[in-house]
Protein backbone atom coordinates (compact mmCIF):
# COMPACT_ATOMS: atom_id res chain seq x y z
CA MET A 1 122.09 100.81 113.31
CA ALA A 2 118.79 102.15 112.49
CA SER A 3 116.15 102.85 115.61
CA THR A 4 113.53 100.27 116.67
CA ARG A 5 110.75 102.97 115.58
CA ASP A 6 112.26 103.51 111.74
CA ILE A 7 112.77 99.69 111.71
CA ARG A 8 108.90 99.35 112.93
CA ARG A 9 108.14 101.89 110.26
CA ARG A 10 109.66 99.95 107.43
CA ILE A 11 108.09 96.76 108.58
CA LYS A 12 104.64 98.33 108.18
CA SER A 13 105.33 99.79 104.96
CA VAL A 14 106.57 96.66 103.42
CA LYS A 15 103.49 94.85 105.01
CA ASN A 16 101.45 97.26 103.32
CA THR A 17 103.40 96.78 99.65
CA ARG A 18 103.08 92.88 100.15
CA GLN A 19 99.38 92.91 100.75
CA ILE A 20 98.89 95.38 97.52
CA THR A 21 100.93 93.19 95.26
CA LYS A 22 99.14 90.07 96.56
CA ALA A 23 95.96 91.33 95.58
CA MET A 24 97.06 92.31 92.33
CA GLU A 25 98.52 89.01 91.41
CA LEU A 26 95.06 87.45 92.54
CA VAL A 27 93.66 89.80 90.18
CA ALA A 28 95.71 89.30 87.30
CA ALA A 29 95.48 85.64 87.69
CA SER A 30 91.64 85.73 87.33
CA LYS A 31 91.86 87.97 84.11
CA MET A 32 94.54 85.72 82.60
CA LYS A 33 92.29 82.92 83.09
CA LYS A 34 89.16 84.71 81.48
CA ALA A 35 91.82 86.10 78.77
CA GLN A 36 93.15 82.67 77.76
CA GLN A 37 89.47 81.18 77.47
CA ALA A 38 88.97 84.04 74.98
CA ALA A 39 91.81 83.26 72.95
CA LEU A 40 90.55 79.26 72.91
CA GLY A 41 87.29 80.08 72.02
CA GLY A 42 87.97 81.76 68.68
CA GLN A 43 89.86 78.59 67.35
CA PRO A 44 86.39 76.92 66.13
CA TYR A 45 85.72 79.91 63.98
CA ALA A 46 89.44 79.97 62.48
CA ASN A 47 89.15 76.33 61.61
CA LEU A 48 85.83 76.81 59.84
CA MET A 49 87.30 79.83 57.91
CA ALA A 50 90.47 77.42 56.97
CA GLU A 51 88.04 75.00 55.59
CA MET A 52 86.40 77.65 53.29
CA LEU A 53 89.55 78.84 52.16
CA ALA A 54 91.04 75.66 51.43
CA ALA A 55 88.01 75.10 49.07
CA LEU A 56 88.54 78.30 47.55
CA SER A 57 92.24 78.07 47.15
CA ALA A 58 91.74 75.43 44.22
CA GLN A 59 89.29 77.44 42.51
CA VAL A 60 90.53 81.16 42.37
CA ASP A 61 93.49 82.86 40.58
CA GLU A 62 95.25 84.32 43.92
CA SER A 63 97.13 86.93 41.40
CA THR A 64 93.60 88.75 41.05
CA HIS A 65 93.05 90.02 44.65
CA PRO A 66 94.39 92.80 46.16
CA PHE A 67 95.18 91.01 49.43
CA LEU A 68 97.22 88.33 47.88
CA VAL A 69 99.20 90.34 45.39
CA GLU A 70 103.03 91.23 46.56
CA ARG A 71 104.39 94.58 45.73
CA PRO A 72 107.49 96.46 46.46
CA VAL A 73 107.63 97.20 50.17
CA LYS A 74 108.56 100.98 50.53
CA THR A 75 106.43 101.77 53.42
CA ARG A 76 105.77 99.37 56.41
CA GLY A 77 102.62 99.15 58.31
CA VAL A 78 102.64 97.93 61.86
CA ILE A 79 100.01 97.36 64.54
CA LEU A 80 101.91 97.68 68.12
CA ILE A 81 99.83 95.72 70.75
CA THR A 82 100.66 96.55 74.27
CA SER A 83 98.88 96.95 77.53
CA ASP A 84 97.49 100.28 78.82
CA LYS A 85 99.15 99.88 82.48
CA GLY A 86 102.27 99.13 83.46
CA LEU A 87 103.57 96.57 86.43
CA ALA A 88 103.78 93.63 83.77
CA GLY A 89 107.41 92.81 84.08
CA PRO A 90 109.45 93.12 80.70
CA LEU A 91 106.34 92.55 78.75
CA ASN A 92 106.29 96.19 77.04
CA SER A 93 110.02 96.87 76.77
CA ASN A 94 110.43 93.65 74.89
CA LEU A 95 107.81 94.82 72.18
CA PHE A 96 109.63 98.24 72.07
CA LYS A 97 112.77 96.59 71.58
CA VAL A 98 111.35 94.90 68.62
CA ALA A 99 109.52 97.87 67.29
CA SER A 100 112.79 99.89 67.38
CA GLU A 101 114.66 97.31 65.19
CA ILE A 102 112.45 98.37 62.30
CA LYS A 103 115.07 100.99 60.75
CA THR A 104 113.13 100.64 57.24
CA PRO A 105 110.16 103.37 56.83
CA ALA A 106 107.39 102.55 58.53
CA LYS A 107 103.99 103.91 59.66
CA PHE A 108 102.53 102.61 63.10
CA VAL A 109 99.47 102.22 64.66
CA ALA A 110 98.82 101.69 68.35
CA ILE A 111 96.68 99.45 70.22
CA GLY A 112 97.35 100.13 74.02
CA ARG A 113 98.10 103.45 75.88
CA LYS A 114 101.77 102.55 76.48
CA GLY A 115 102.65 101.77 72.84
CA ALA A 116 101.19 104.78 71.82
CA GLN A 117 103.39 106.66 74.41
CA PHE A 118 106.37 104.82 73.36
CA LEU A 119 105.87 105.56 69.53
CA ALA A 120 105.11 109.49 70.22
CA ARG A 121 108.22 109.58 72.56
CA SER A 122 110.44 107.82 69.83
CA HIS A 123 108.97 110.25 67.25
CA ARG A 124 107.99 107.52 64.89
CA ASP A 125 104.86 108.17 62.48
CA LEU A 126 101.97 107.29 64.56
CA LEU A 127 98.68 107.39 62.55
CA ALA A 128 96.52 106.47 64.85
CA ASP A 129 95.68 104.70 68.30
CA PHE A 130 92.96 102.60 69.44
CA PRO A 131 91.79 101.72 73.27
CA VAL A 132 90.96 98.16 73.95
CA HIS A 133 89.37 96.78 77.10
CA ASP A 134 90.38 94.09 79.18
CA ARG A 135 88.14 91.66 77.39
CA VAL A 136 89.35 92.71 74.09
CA PRO A 137 85.65 92.83 72.20
CA PHE A 138 85.80 92.67 68.82
CA ASN A 139 84.19 95.73 67.68
CA GLU A 140 86.88 97.70 69.23
CA VAL A 141 89.81 95.57 67.77
CA ARG A 142 87.92 95.78 64.25
CA PRO A 143 88.24 99.51 63.66
CA ALA A 144 92.05 99.15 63.95
CA ALA A 145 92.00 96.55 61.48
CA GLU A 146 90.10 98.22 58.81
CA PHE A 147 91.88 101.34 59.30
CA MET A 148 95.10 99.76 58.36
CA VAL A 149 93.53 97.54 55.72
CA GLN A 150 92.21 100.95 54.10
CA LYS A 151 95.68 102.47 54.19
CA PHE A 152 97.11 99.06 52.12
CA LEU A 153 94.47 99.46 49.86
CA ALA A 154 94.98 102.81 49.03
CA GLY A 155 98.76 102.01 48.83
CA GLU A 156 100.09 104.37 51.63
CA ILE A 157 101.34 101.02 53.33
CA ASP A 158 102.81 98.13 51.40
CA THR A 159 102.53 95.68 54.49
CA ILE A 160 100.54 95.15 57.38
CA GLU A 161 102.27 93.56 60.34
CA VAL A 162 101.25 93.04 64.05
CA ILE A 163 104.02 93.25 66.73
CA TYR A 164 102.61 91.62 69.77
CA SER A 165 103.55 89.16 72.75
CA ARG A 166 102.62 85.62 71.43
CA PHE A 167 101.55 83.80 74.83
CA LYS A 168 103.10 80.35 75.27
CA ASN A 169 102.63 79.79 78.86
CA THR A 170 102.41 81.57 82.14
CA LEU A 171 105.96 82.22 82.37
CA VAL A 172 106.94 82.80 78.85
CA GLN A 173 105.44 85.41 76.90
CA GLU A 174 107.37 86.08 73.31
CA PRO A 175 107.47 89.39 71.39
CA VAL A 176 106.85 88.57 67.65
CA VAL A 177 106.29 90.25 64.61
CA PHE A 178 103.34 88.48 62.35
CA PRO A 179 102.73 89.54 59.04
CA ILE A 180 99.20 89.91 57.80
CA LEU A 181 99.26 91.13 54.71
CA PRO A 182 99.86 90.43 51.70
CA LEU A 183 99.07 86.85 51.90
CA ARG A 184 101.72 85.23 49.75
CA SER A 185 99.23 82.49 48.91
CA LEU A 186 96.02 80.78 50.63
CA ARG A 187 97.92 77.92 51.29
CA GLU A 188 100.03 79.85 53.88
CA THR A 189 97.17 81.37 55.29
CA LEU A 190 95.86 78.16 56.07
CA ALA A 191 99.03 77.02 57.51
CA GLN A 192 99.16 79.89 59.88
CA GLY A 193 95.02 79.97 60.69
CA GLY A 194 94.67 76.38 61.52
CA GLY A 195 96.02 73.50 58.79
CA ALA A 196 94.04 70.92 60.52
CA ALA A 197 90.54 71.71 58.83
CA ALA A 198 92.35 72.15 55.38
CA THR A 199 92.97 68.65 55.22
CA GLU A 200 89.63 68.03 54.85
CA GLN A 201 88.49 66.63 51.65
CA ARG A 202 84.66 68.20 51.06
CA GLU A 203 83.17 69.66 47.76
CA MET A 204 81.85 73.23 48.24
CA LEU A 205 79.64 75.31 46.48
CA PHE A 206 79.74 79.08 46.46
CA GLU A 207 77.23 81.19 45.74
CA PRO A 208 76.86 83.87 44.13
CA GLY A 209 80.54 83.22 43.23
CA VAL A 210 83.99 82.07 44.22
CA THR A 211 85.26 85.35 43.49
CA GLN A 212 82.91 87.22 45.52
CA VAL A 213 82.88 85.19 48.13
CA LEU A 214 86.58 85.27 48.39
CA ASP A 215 86.39 89.33 48.35
CA ALA A 216 83.96 88.91 51.29
CA LEU A 217 85.87 86.30 53.52
CA LEU A 218 89.30 87.71 53.22
CA PRO A 219 88.76 91.02 55.03
CA PHE A 220 86.95 89.14 57.80
CA TYR A 221 90.12 86.34 58.11
CA VAL A 222 92.26 89.70 58.53
CA ASN A 223 90.06 91.15 61.28
CA ARG A 224 89.77 88.17 62.94
CA GLN A 225 93.39 87.30 62.53
CA ILE A 226 94.46 90.54 64.19
CA HIS A 227 91.65 90.09 66.79
CA GLN A 228 92.73 86.68 67.87
CA LEU A 229 96.34 88.41 68.17
CA ALA A 230 94.89 91.26 70.42
CA LEU A 231 93.55 88.26 72.34
CA SER A 232 96.87 86.49 72.73
CA GLY A 233 98.91 89.67 73.67
CA LYS A 234 96.03 90.36 76.69
CA ALA A 235 96.38 86.99 77.82
CA SER A 236 100.42 87.71 77.70
CA GLU A 237 99.86 90.88 79.74
CA HIS A 238 97.89 89.11 82.27
CA SER A 239 100.09 86.55 82.77
CA ALA A 240 103.51 88.86 82.75
CA ARG A 241 101.56 91.17 85.52
CA MET A 242 100.76 88.17 87.35
CA VAL A 243 104.44 86.88 87.61
CA ALA A 244 105.66 90.47 88.16
CA MET A 245 103.38 90.74 91.59
CA LYS A 246 104.26 87.34 92.89
CA THR A 247 107.89 87.93 92.39
CA ALA A 248 106.98 91.53 94.25
CA LYS A 249 105.24 89.73 96.96
CA ASP A 250 108.06 87.21 97.44
CA ASN A 251 110.69 90.01 97.65
CA ALA A 252 108.50 91.80 100.26
CA THR A 253 108.01 88.54 102.32
CA LYS A 254 111.95 88.18 102.33
CA LEU A 255 112.61 91.84 103.04
CA LEU A 256 110.11 91.47 106.17
CA GLY A 257 111.97 88.52 107.54
CA GLU A 258 115.09 90.72 107.38
CA LEU A 259 113.89 93.60 108.87
CA THR A 260 112.14 91.47 111.65
CA LEU A 261 115.33 89.96 112.21
CA GLU A 262 117.19 93.32 112.47
CA TYR A 263 114.40 94.80 114.88
CA ASN A 264 115.04 92.14 117.28
CA LYS A 265 118.58 92.73 116.98
CA ALA A 266 118.20 96.06 117.62
CA ARG A 267 115.85 95.64 120.50
CA GLN A 268 118.08 93.26 122.02
CA ALA A 269 120.81 95.80 121.90
CA ALA A 270 118.72 98.30 123.34
CA ILE A 271 117.69 96.34 126.13
CA THR A 272 121.62 95.18 127.01
CA GLN A 273 122.57 98.78 126.89
CA GLU A 274 119.60 99.80 129.73
CA ILE A 275 120.72 96.74 131.64
CA LEU A 276 124.51 97.82 131.41
CA GLU A 277 123.71 101.59 132.44
CA ILE A 278 121.55 100.50 135.22
CA ALA A 279 124.42 98.15 136.74
CA ALA A 280 126.70 100.80 135.94
CA ALA A 281 124.59 103.35 138.12
CA GLN A 282 124.33 100.95 140.69
CA PHE A 283 128.19 100.45 140.75
CA VAL A 284 129.00 104.12 141.16
CA ALA A 285 126.33 104.59 143.62
CA ALA A 286 127.84 101.58 146.03
């Protein structure tokens, strides 16, 4: 049995760990709430864009726009959205597993330090990596989106796909491969971006023309969609970290109880041993 001094040292260490994990759980919970609010805040913009695309869909030949034309897929373009830090449970490892399942030629862009490290470690074709802060501002996600769009239009990649963690609830984050380009049809775009607004029947007049508006609107849609996925990924990250820290805190509390019981047993054994030694010494003296 370990000495009481060693057990006291372990108890102190576990208490410090529990205090740290509890603080990290509270911080992650606060950030998760803000990330959820940010993700929901972009929904009205998505609905308005869906409404405009619905009006455009009946007035344009979809085969004339490069974002809508399908071509043979020789090289896939993948944006991998991960966290910058660890201690988020299996969140990043699940994303890495999905990325590892891509066996066809692919070029990657990483949003998040962990994703960039994984792609470099696994010797995949990493074109660039982009840092994004916890608030996931649009002006930090847009360069990554525009970079991939340039590669798509130049023919270096034939698709744009996003691997991210879809936020379902606090306990469930699902790794998903979300296709961005090419858009198979504007109707499918509406189903992805908000079909409720597409059912509204209103006649719209576009100036200077339908084609010009479509040329300007679709890049905005791509940028907004990638930004929305990044917001969902950030909410998933904070949720996973909060759950992981709560689990660590609960385990520390359980371990603390076991160590306290072991300490009491060791202390009681030491006291009993001292009493026996004193009694034996008095018996020998008598």
